[in-house]
Protein backbone atom coordinates (compact mmCIF):
# COMPACT_ATOMS: atom_id res chain seq x y z
CA MET A 1 -8.33 41.08 22.52
CA THR A 2 -11.51 40.34 20.66
CA PRO A 3 -11.97 39.89 16.92
CA ASP A 4 -13.65 43.31 16.80
CA ASP A 5 -10.69 44.99 18.48
CA PRO A 6 -8.82 47.32 16.04
CA ALA A 7 -5.47 46.26 17.50
CA SER A 8 -6.01 42.67 16.35
CA SER A 9 -6.66 43.73 12.74
CA SER A 10 -3.23 45.35 12.45
CA ALA A 11 -1.45 42.04 13.05
CA GLU A 12 0.84 40.90 10.27
CA PRO A 13 -0.37 38.14 7.96
CA PRO A 14 1.44 34.84 8.32
CA ALA A 15 4.77 34.77 6.52
CA ALA A 16 5.01 32.82 3.29
CA PRO A 17 7.01 29.60 3.59
CA VAL A 18 10.63 29.91 2.54
CA VAL A 19 11.42 27.95 -0.60
CA ASP A 20 14.89 26.43 -0.65
CA ALA A 21 16.20 26.28 -4.21
CA VAL A 22 18.51 23.37 -3.39
CA ARG A 23 15.66 21.26 -2.04
CA VAL A 24 13.50 22.10 -5.06
CA ARG A 25 16.32 21.03 -7.39
CA ARG A 26 16.91 17.89 -5.31
CA ALA A 27 13.22 16.99 -5.61
CA ALA A 28 13.42 17.38 -9.39
CA VAL A 29 16.52 15.18 -9.52
CA ALA A 30 14.79 12.58 -7.33
CA LYS A 31 11.78 12.60 -9.66
CA TRP A 32 13.87 12.02 -12.80
CA ASN A 33 15.98 9.49 -10.92
CA GLY A 34 12.86 7.53 -10.04
CA ILE A 35 11.81 7.48 -13.67
CA ALA A 36 15.28 6.30 -14.76
CA SER A 37 15.22 3.55 -12.11
CA ARG A 38 11.83 2.27 -13.22
CA VAL A 39 12.83 2.26 -16.89
CA GLY A 40 16.13 0.54 -16.06
CA TYR A 41 14.40 -2.22 -14.10
CA VAL A 42 11.82 -2.65 -16.87
CA MET A 43 14.64 -3.06 -19.39
CA PHE A 44 16.18 -5.80 -17.25
CA LEU A 45 12.76 -7.43 -16.95
CA ILE A 46 12.43 -7.38 -20.74
CA ALA A 47 15.86 -8.98 -21.06
CA VAL A 48 15.03 -11.75 -18.60
CA VAL A 49 11.64 -12.49 -20.15
CA MET A 50 13.11 -12.49 -23.66
CA PHE A 51 15.91 -14.81 -22.49
CA PHE A 52 13.43 -17.38 -21.22
CA VAL A 53 11.33 -17.01 -24.37
CA ALA A 54 14.44 -17.61 -26.45
CA LEU A 55 15.43 -20.52 -24.22
CA ALA A 56 12.01 -22.13 -24.68
CA THR A 57 12.03 -21.59 -28.46
CA THR A 58 15.14 -20.78 -30.46
CA PHE A 59 17.89 -18.23 -29.95
CA SER A 60 17.35 -16.20 -33.09
CA GLN A 61 19.41 -13.12 -33.93
CA GLY A 62 16.47 -10.81 -33.21
CA LYS A 63 15.91 -12.21 -29.72
CA VAL A 64 19.59 -11.97 -28.86
CA THR A 65 19.61 -8.37 -30.09
CA ILE A 66 16.62 -7.51 -27.87
CA ILE A 67 18.26 -9.17 -24.86
CA THR A 68 21.60 -7.42 -25.42
CA THR A 69 20.09 -4.02 -26.17
CA SER A 70 17.78 -4.07 -23.17
CA MET A 71 20.65 -5.14 -20.89
CA ILE A 72 22.83 -2.27 -22.15
CA ILE A 73 20.08 0.34 -21.84
CA GLY A 74 19.11 -0.98 -18.40
CA SER A 75 22.71 -0.81 -17.21
CA VAL A 76 23.25 2.69 -18.58
CA LEU A 77 20.11 3.94 -16.82
CA LEU A 78 20.24 1.95 -13.63
CA ALA A 79 23.89 2.27 -12.57
CA PRO A 80 23.87 6.08 -12.16
CA ALA A 81 20.28 6.03 -10.87
CA ILE A 82 21.28 3.82 -7.94
CA VAL A 83 24.20 6.10 -7.02
CA ILE A 84 22.14 9.28 -7.40
CA GLY A 85 19.32 7.74 -5.37
CA TYR A 86 21.67 7.08 -2.46
CA ALA A 87 23.06 10.62 -2.76
CA VAL A 88 19.60 12.21 -2.63
CA LYS A 89 18.61 10.09 0.38
CA ALA A 90 21.85 10.98 2.18
CA ALA A 91 21.36 14.69 1.48
CA GLU A 92 17.80 14.58 2.80
CA LYS A 93 18.94 12.67 5.88
CA ASP A 94 21.67 15.28 6.47
CA ASP A 95 19.15 18.12 6.14
CA VAL A 96 16.87 16.48 8.70
CA ALA A 97 19.79 15.92 11.07
CA ARG A 98 20.79 19.59 10.79
CA GLY A 99 17.20 20.69 11.33
CA LEU A 100 16.65 22.23 7.91
C-alpha cells in the first residue's frame, strides 16, 4: 500500500492511552507524600540547628519551644509519610510485576 492508496486512509487512528484512575490517584498521593516528607525533614533540621544554637548560647524558653514544636510537627508529618511512601513503592512494584 502506498500513502496515496484509498485503503490506507481508512485505517483507524491510534487508540488513546488508557488512564488508570488508581494509578492517577497513587501519583497524587505520592506527590503529597513527597511534600510531607520534605517538610518533616526540614522541621527536624530546624530542631537540630536550633538545639546547637541553644547549646552554644543559652537555653531560653523560646528556643526550647521552637525545638519542641518543630520536633512534634516533624514527627506528625514524617511518620505517616514514611509508611505511605513504602506503600506507594510496593504498589508500583506489584503493578510492574503483574505487567500493568
